[in-house]
C-alpha atoms as a PDB file:
ATOM      1  CA  MET A   1     -54.942-197.904 -28.403  1.00  0.00           C
ATOM      2  CA  LEU A   2     -57.294-196.586 -25.705  1.00  0.00           C
ATOM      3  CA  SER A   3     -58.392-200.119 -24.789  1.00  0.00           C
ATOM      4  CA  HIS A   4     -54.824-200.904 -23.597  1.00  0.00           C
ATOM      5  CA  MET A   5     -54.543-197.874 -21.320  1.00  0.00           C
ATOM      6  CA  ARG A   6     -55.188-197.605 -17.575  1.00  0.00           C
ATOM      7  CA  TRP A   7     -56.188-194.949 -15.044  1.00  0.00           C
ATOM      8  CA  LEU A   8     -54.249-193.048 -12.453  1.00  0.00           C
ATOM      9  CA  ASN A   9     -57.082-191.785 -10.214  1.00  0.00           C
ATOM     10  CA  GLU A  10     -60.007-193.373 -12.041  1.00  0.00           C
ATOM     11  CA  PRO A  11     -62.949-190.962 -12.312  1.00  0.00           C
ATOM     12  CA  PRO A  12     -66.353-191.884 -10.868  1.00  0.00           C
ATOM     13  CA  GLU A  13     -67.912-192.019 -14.314  1.00  0.00           C
ATOM     14  CA  TRP A  14     -66.258-192.936 -17.604  1.00  0.00           C
ATOM     15  CA  SER A  15     -66.827-194.947 -20.767  1.00  0.00           C
ATOM     16  CA  LEU A  16     -64.846-196.139 -23.755  1.00  0.00           C
ATOM     17  CA  ASP A  17     -66.822-196.654 -26.937  1.00  0.00           C
ATOM     18  CA  GLY A  18     -65.494-196.965 -30.470  1.00  0.00           C
ATOM     19  CA  GLY A  19     -62.164-195.350 -29.637  1.00  0.00           C
ATOM     20  CA  VAL A  20     -63.777-192.403 -27.854  1.00  0.00           C
ATOM     21  CA  LEU A  21     -63.100-191.904 -24.151  1.00  0.00           C
ATOM     22  CA  HIS A  22     -65.630-189.944 -22.122  1.00  0.00           C
ATOM     23  CA  ALA A  23     -64.890-189.049 -18.479  1.00  0.00           C
ATOM     24  CA  VAL A  24     -66.597-187.002 -15.765  1.00  0.00           C
ATOM     25  CA  THR A  25     -64.376-185.555 -13.045  1.00  0.00           C
ATOM     26  CA  GLU A  26     -64.499-186.112  -9.306  1.00  0.00           C
ATOM     27  CA  LEU A  27     -64.799-183.174  -6.880  1.00  0.00           C
ATOM     28  CA  LYS A  28     -61.726-180.907  -6.604  1.00  0.00           C
ATOM     29  CA  THR A  29     -59.249-182.811  -8.763  1.00  0.00           C
ATOM     30  CA  ASP A  30     -55.977-181.450 -10.155  1.00  0.00           C
ATOM     31  CA  PHE A  31     -52.284-181.962 -10.834  1.00  0.00           C
ATOM     32  CA  TRP A  32     -50.253-179.107  -9.300  1.00  0.00           C
ATOM     33  CA  ARG A  33     -47.199-178.707  -7.033  1.00  0.00           C
ATOM     34  CA  GLN A  34     -46.655-175.723  -4.739  1.00  0.00           C
ATOM     35  CA  THR A  35     -45.992-172.709  -6.961  1.00  0.00           C
ATOM     36  CA  PHE A  36     -47.977-169.566  -6.080  1.00  0.00           C
ATOM     37  CA  TYR A  37     -50.934-171.377  -4.473  1.00  0.00           C
ATOM     38  CA  GLY A  38     -48.876-173.269  -1.894  1.00  0.00           C
ATOM     39  CA  TRP A  39     -50.605-176.617  -2.275  1.00  0.00           C
ATOM     40  CA  THR A  40     -49.801-179.945  -3.863  1.00  0.00           C
ATOM     41  CA  THR A  41     -52.567-181.894  -5.554  1.00  0.00           C
ATOM     42  CA  ASP A  42     -52.057-185.171  -7.409  1.00  0.00           C
ATOM     43  CA  ASN A  43     -55.590-186.505  -7.749  1.00  0.00           C
ATOM     44  CA  GLY A  44     -56.490-185.538 -11.325  1.00  0.00           C
ATOM     45  CA  HIS A  45     -57.694-188.215 -13.731  1.00  0.00           C
ATOM     46  CA  PHE A  46     -54.994-189.554 -16.107  1.00  0.00           C
ATOM     47  CA  PHE A  47     -55.676-192.320 -18.664  1.00  0.00           C
ATOM     48  CA  HIS A  48     -52.290-193.522 -19.858  1.00  0.00           C
ATOM     49  CA  ALA A  49     -49.972-196.067 -21.453  1.00  0.00           C
ATOM     50  CA  PRO A  50     -46.222-196.527 -21.075  1.00  0.00           C
ATOM     51  CA  ALA A  51     -43.943-195.089 -23.756  1.00  0.00           C
ATOM     52  CA  THR A  52     -40.239-195.851 -24.012  1.00  0.00           C
ATOM     53  CA  GLY A  53     -37.846-193.488 -25.735  1.00  0.00           C
ATOM     54  CA  ASP A  54     -38.902-190.762 -28.132  1.00  0.00           C
ATOM     55  CA  PHE A  55     -42.526-190.550 -29.278  1.00  0.00           C
ATOM     56  CA  THR A  56     -45.360-188.380 -30.517  1.00  0.00           C
ATOM     57  CA  ALA A  57     -48.780-188.662 -28.887  1.00  0.00           C
ATOM     58  CA  SER A  58     -51.884-186.851 -30.102  1.00  0.00           C
ATOM     59  CA  ALA A  59     -55.607-186.635 -29.403  1.00  0.00           C
ATOM     60  CA  ILE A  60     -58.630-184.466 -30.051  1.00  0.00           C
ATOM     61  CA  VAL A  61     -59.838-182.959 -26.786  1.00  0.00           C
ATOM     62  CA  ALA A  62     -63.239-181.482 -25.939  1.00  0.00           C
ATOM     63  CA  ALA A  63     -64.857-180.596 -22.613  1.00  0.00           C
ATOM     64  CA  GLU A  64     -67.843-178.749 -21.192  1.00  0.00           C
ATOM     65  CA  HIS A  65     -65.819-176.020 -19.473  1.00  0.00           C
ATOM     66  CA  THR A  66     -67.880-173.820 -17.160  1.00  0.00           C
ATOM     67  CA  THR A  67     -65.761-173.175 -14.083  1.00  0.00           C
ATOM     68  CA  ARG A  68     -62.362-171.631 -13.384  1.00  0.00           C
ATOM     69  CA  PHE A  69     -59.491-174.094 -13.861  1.00  0.00           C
ATOM     70  CA  ASP A  70     -61.654-176.782 -15.544  1.00  0.00           C
ATOM     71  CA  GLN A  71     -59.147-178.598 -17.747  1.00  0.00           C
ATOM     72  CA  ALA A  72     -58.831-181.450 -20.240  1.00  0.00           C
ATOM     73  CA  GLY A  73     -55.824-182.361 -22.341  1.00  0.00           C
ATOM     74  CA  MET A  74     -52.708-184.501 -22.538  1.00  0.00           C
ATOM     75  CA  MET A  75     -50.065-185.511 -20.013  1.00  0.00           C
ATOM     76  CA  VAL A  76     -46.555-186.991 -19.907  1.00  0.00           C
ATOM     77  CA  ARG A  77     -45.615-188.249 -16.455  1.00  0.00           C
ATOM     78  CA  ALA A  78     -42.518-189.793 -14.908  1.00  0.00           C
ATOM     79  CA  ASP A  79     -43.808-189.582 -11.326  1.00  0.00           C
ATOM     80  CA  ALA A  80     -45.678-187.231  -8.981  1.00  0.00           C
ATOM     81  CA  HIS A  81     -42.759-184.749  -9.059  1.00  0.00           C
ATOM     82  CA  ASN A  82     -41.926-184.719 -12.781  1.00  0.00           C
ATOM     83  CA  TRP A  83     -44.570-184.260 -15.449  1.00  0.00           C
ATOM     84  CA  LEU A  84     -46.099-182.080 -18.153  1.00  0.00           C
ATOM     85  CA  LYS A  85     -49.777-181.484 -18.826  1.00  0.00           C
ATOM     86  CA  SER A  86     -51.326-179.328 -21.534  1.00  0.00           C
ATOM     87  CA  GLY A  87     -54.887-178.725 -22.583  1.00  0.00           C
ATOM     88  CA  LEU A  88     -57.979-176.610 -22.623  1.00  0.00           C
ATOM     89  CA  GLU A  89     -58.512-174.713 -19.372  1.00  0.00           C
ATOM     90  CA  VAL A  90     -60.818-171.994 -18.114  1.00  0.00           C
ATOM     91  CA  THR A  91     -58.666-169.068 -16.958  1.00  0.00           C
ATOM     92  CA  SER A  92     -59.667-165.418 -16.611  1.00  0.00           C
ATOM     93  CA  GLY A  93     -63.185-166.313 -17.708  1.00  0.00           C
ATOM     94  CA  ALA A  94     -62.234-167.829 -21.077  1.00  0.00           C
ATOM     95  CA  VAL A  95     -61.133-171.174 -22.471  1.00  0.00           C
ATOM     96  CA  GLN A  96     -57.397-171.044 -23.152  1.00  0.00           C
ATOM     97  CA  VAL A  97     -54.627-173.592 -23.623  1.00  0.00           C
ATOM     98  CA  SER A  98     -52.463-174.076 -20.559  1.00  0.00           C
ATOM     99  CA  THR A  99     -49.203-175.986 -20.366  1.00  0.00           C
ATOM    100  CA  VAL A 100     -47.803-176.921 -16.966  1.00  0.00           C
ATOM    101  CA  VAL A 101     -44.282-178.280 -16.534  1.00  0.00           C
ATOM    102  CA  THR A 102     -43.450-179.697 -13.119  1.00  0.00           C
ATOM    103  CA  ARG A 103     -39.984-180.419 -11.765  1.00  0.00           C
ATOM    104  CA  ASP A 104     -40.887-180.553  -8.055  1.00  0.00           C
ATOM    105  CA  PHE A 105     -42.580-177.160  -8.566  1.00  0.00           C
ATOM    106  CA  SER A 106     -45.185-176.443 -11.236  1.00  0.00           C
ATOM    107  CA  ASP A 107     -45.099-173.570 -13.700  1.00  0.00           C
ATOM    108  CA  VAL A 108     -47.818-172.640 -16.155  1.00  0.00           C
ATOM    109  CA  SER A 109     -47.963-170.850 -19.488  1.00  0.00           C
ATOM    110  CA  MET A 110     -51.163-169.801 -21.255  1.00  0.00           C
ATOM    111  CA  ALA A 111     -52.121-169.290 -24.896  1.00  0.00           C
ATOM    112  CA  THR A 112     -55.395-168.015 -26.275  1.00  0.00           C
ATOM    113  CA  VAL A 113     -57.386-170.094 -28.725  1.00  0.00           C
ATOM    114  CA  ALA A 114     -58.566-167.880 -31.574  1.00  0.00           C
ATOM    115  CA  ASP A 115     -62.133-168.643 -32.658  1.00  0.00           C
ATOM    116  CA  PHE A 116     -62.410-171.625 -30.310  1.00  0.00           C
ATOM    117  CA  THR A 117     -65.000-174.115 -31.600  1.00  0.00           C
ATOM    118  CA  GLY A 118     -65.274-176.514 -28.662  1.00  0.00           C
ATOM    119  CA  SER A 119     -62.492-179.004 -29.397  1.00  0.00           C
ATOM    120  CA  LEU A 120     -58.784-178.905 -30.091  1.00  0.00           C
ATOM    121  CA  ALA A 121     -56.211-181.302 -31.542  1.00  0.00           C
ATOM    122  CA  MET A 122     -53.256-181.643 -29.160  1.00  0.00           C
ATOM    123  CA  ARG A 123     -49.827-183.162 -29.817  1.00  0.00           C
ATOM    124  CA  VAL A 124     -46.910-183.878 -27.464  1.00  0.00           C
ATOM    125  CA  THR A 125     -43.514-185.019 -28.753  1.00  0.00           C
ATOM    126  CA  ARG A 126     -40.544-186.295 -26.770  1.00  0.00           C
ATOM    127  CA  PHE A 127     -36.951-186.054 -27.958  1.00  0.00           C
ATOM    128  CA  GLY A 128     -34.804-187.180 -25.012  1.00  0.00           C
ATOM    129  CA  SER A 129     -35.258-184.565 -22.288  1.00  0.00           C
ATOM    130  CA  ALA A 130     -37.101-182.135 -24.585  1.00  0.00           C
ATOM    131  CA  LEU A 131     -40.889-182.068 -24.858  1.00  0.00           C
ATOM    132  CA  THR A 132     -42.834-180.035 -27.394  1.00  0.00           C
ATOM    133  CA  VAL A 133     -46.542-179.288 -27.215  1.00  0.00           C
ATOM    134  CA  HIS A 134     -48.577-178.254 -30.262  1.00  0.00           C
ATOM    135  CA  CYS A 135     -52.253-177.627 -30.969  1.00  0.00           C
ATOM    136  CA  ARG A 136     -54.483-176.971 -33.966  1.00  0.00           C
ATOM    137  CA  ARG A 137     -58.100-177.096 -35.014  1.00  0.00           C
ATOM    138  CA  PRO A 138     -59.409-180.649 -35.471  1.00  0.00           C
ATOM    139  CA  GLY A 139     -59.402-181.669 -39.108  1.00  0.00           C
ATOM    140  CA  GLY A 140     -56.258-179.898 -40.189  1.00  0.00           C
ATOM    141  CA  GLY A 141     -54.381-176.668 -40.411  1.00  0.00           C
ATOM    142  CA  GLN A 142     -50.965-175.680 -39.173  1.00  0.00           C
ATOM    143  CA  TRP A 143     -49.782-176.902 -35.781  1.00  0.00           C
ATOM    144  CA  GLN A 144     -49.099-174.052 -33.331  1.00  0.00           C
ATOM    145  CA  LEU A 145     -46.137-174.507 -30.984  1.00  0.00           C
ATOM    146  CA  LEU A 146     -47.283-173.915 -27.409  1.00  0.00           C
ATOM    147  CA  ARG A 147     -44.231-174.995 -25.474  1.00  0.00           C
ATOM    148  CA  LEU A 148     -40.728-176.390 -25.818  1.00  0.00           C
ATOM    149  CA  ALA A 149     -39.703-177.592 -22.363  1.00  0.00           C
ATOM    150  CA  TYR A 150     -36.909-179.439 -20.603  1.00  0.00           C
ATOM    151  CA  LEU A 151     -37.875-182.341 -18.361  1.00  0.00           C
ATOM    152  CA  ASP A 152     -35.337-184.894 -17.111  1.00  0.00           C
ATOM    153  CA  LEU A 153     -37.229-188.117 -17.806  1.00  0.00           C
ATOM    154  CA  PRO A 154     -36.461-191.816 -17.380  1.00  0.00           C
ATOM    155  CA  ALA A 155     -36.450-194.024 -20.493  1.00  0.00           C
ATOM    156  CA  THR A 156     -40.082-195.053 -19.938  1.00  0.00           C
ATOM    157  CA  VAL A 157     -42.825-192.583 -18.998  1.00  0.00           C
ATOM    158  CA  ASP A 158     -46.611-192.644 -18.971  1.00  0.00           C
ATOM    159  CA  VAL A 159     -48.398-190.680 -21.689  1.00  0.00           C
ATOM    160  CA  GLY A 160     -52.092-190.126 -22.280  1.00  0.00           C
ATOM    161  CA  VAL A 161     -55.038-187.851 -21.632  1.00  0.00           C
ATOM    162  CA  MET A 162     -56.090-186.098 -18.433  1.00  0.00           C
ATOM    163  CA  CYS A 163     -58.964-184.096 -16.997  1.00  0.00           C
ATOM    164  CA  CYS A 164     -59.348-182.138 -13.751  1.00  0.00           C
ATOM    165  CA  SER A 165     -61.778-179.775 -12.064  1.00  0.00           C
ATOM    166  CA  PRO A 166     -60.090-178.101  -9.060  1.00  0.00           C
ATOM    167  CA  GLU A 167     -63.159-176.105  -7.989  1.00  0.00           C
ATOM    168  CA  ARG A 168     -66.023-178.528  -8.608  1.00  0.00           C
ATOM    169  CA  ALA A 169     -67.077-182.002  -9.695  1.00  0.00           C
ATOM    170  CA  GLY A 170     -68.686-182.963 -12.963  1.00  0.00           C
ATOM    171  CA  LEU A 171     -66.503-181.646 -15.783  1.00  0.00           C
ATOM    172  CA  SER A 172     -67.444-183.759 -18.796  1.00  0.00           C
ATOM    173  CA  ALA A 173     -64.468-184.424 -21.108  1.00  0.00           C
ATOM    174  CA  THR A 174     -64.191-186.357 -24.363  1.00  0.00           C
ATOM    175  CA  PHE A 175     -61.027-187.628 -26.035  1.00  0.00           C
ATOM    176  CA  ARG A 176     -60.878-189.157 -29.492  1.00  0.00           C
ATOM    177  CA  ASP A 177     -58.330-190.217 -32.088  1.00  0.00           C
ATOM    178  CA  PHE A 178     -55.634-190.884 -29.476  1.00  0.00           C
ATOM    179  CA  ARG A 179     -52.409-191.965 -31.152  1.00  0.00           C
ATOM    180  CA  LEU A 180     -49.009-192.904 -29.773  1.00  0.00           C
ATOM    181  CA  GLY A 181     -46.136-193.632 -32.140  1.00  0.00           C
ATOM    182  CA  PRO A 182     -42.686-192.651 -33.361  1.00  0.00           C
ATOM    183  CA  PRO A 183     -41.712-188.997 -32.999  1.00  0.00           C
ATOM    184  CA  ILE A 184     -42.486-186.590 -35.796  1.00  0.00           C
ATOM    185  CA  SER A 185     -39.577-185.054 -37.674  1.00  0.00           C
ATOM    186  CA  ARG A 186     -37.623-182.503 -35.678  1.00  0.00           C
ATOM    187  CA  ASP A 187     -38.237-180.159 -38.622  1.00  0.00           C
ATOM    188  CA  GLY A 188     -41.944-180.135 -37.733  1.00  0.00           C
ATOM    189  CA  LEU A 189     -41.412-178.966 -34.175  1.00  0.00           C
ATOM    190  CA  GLU A 190     -41.238-175.217 -34.695  1.00  0.00           C
END
């Protein structure tokens, strides 16, 4: 699947080997619109494919987080004004899971990762205008619901993995086991 994807804001260094994507971020990259900080940034790195209708996308995400707001995860994007991103992020001195929903203005929610081991399985599901975000430890366990959000989306959106480093360059991120397919059962969303 990864071999058929393309970049929005290609990073200066990246490789794709055996279904594993490795990327290193450019200086001061992010996806954010206005809220609280007053700026708009749309230069984060997003490796994506088109998806029409309802879907579930998943990947295992890992990154060498060292600096505030370093982030790596998944993204669903209609355009620069309407998108969702969720992933590992350094906030308040610790790696947490952030989910940002943007409808002209960005909002963010945070969740702690108990006993974080360096990587996290992420899953995003679309049902019409509803998006759910889940995470769990790689290799199994129960999916934890991070966010159920409304986002007015066109029939076809871009979905994939993203990484950003708003305060530096050089965040090293790895994505493996990316999958994009039919949506999971609605019963599995809670």
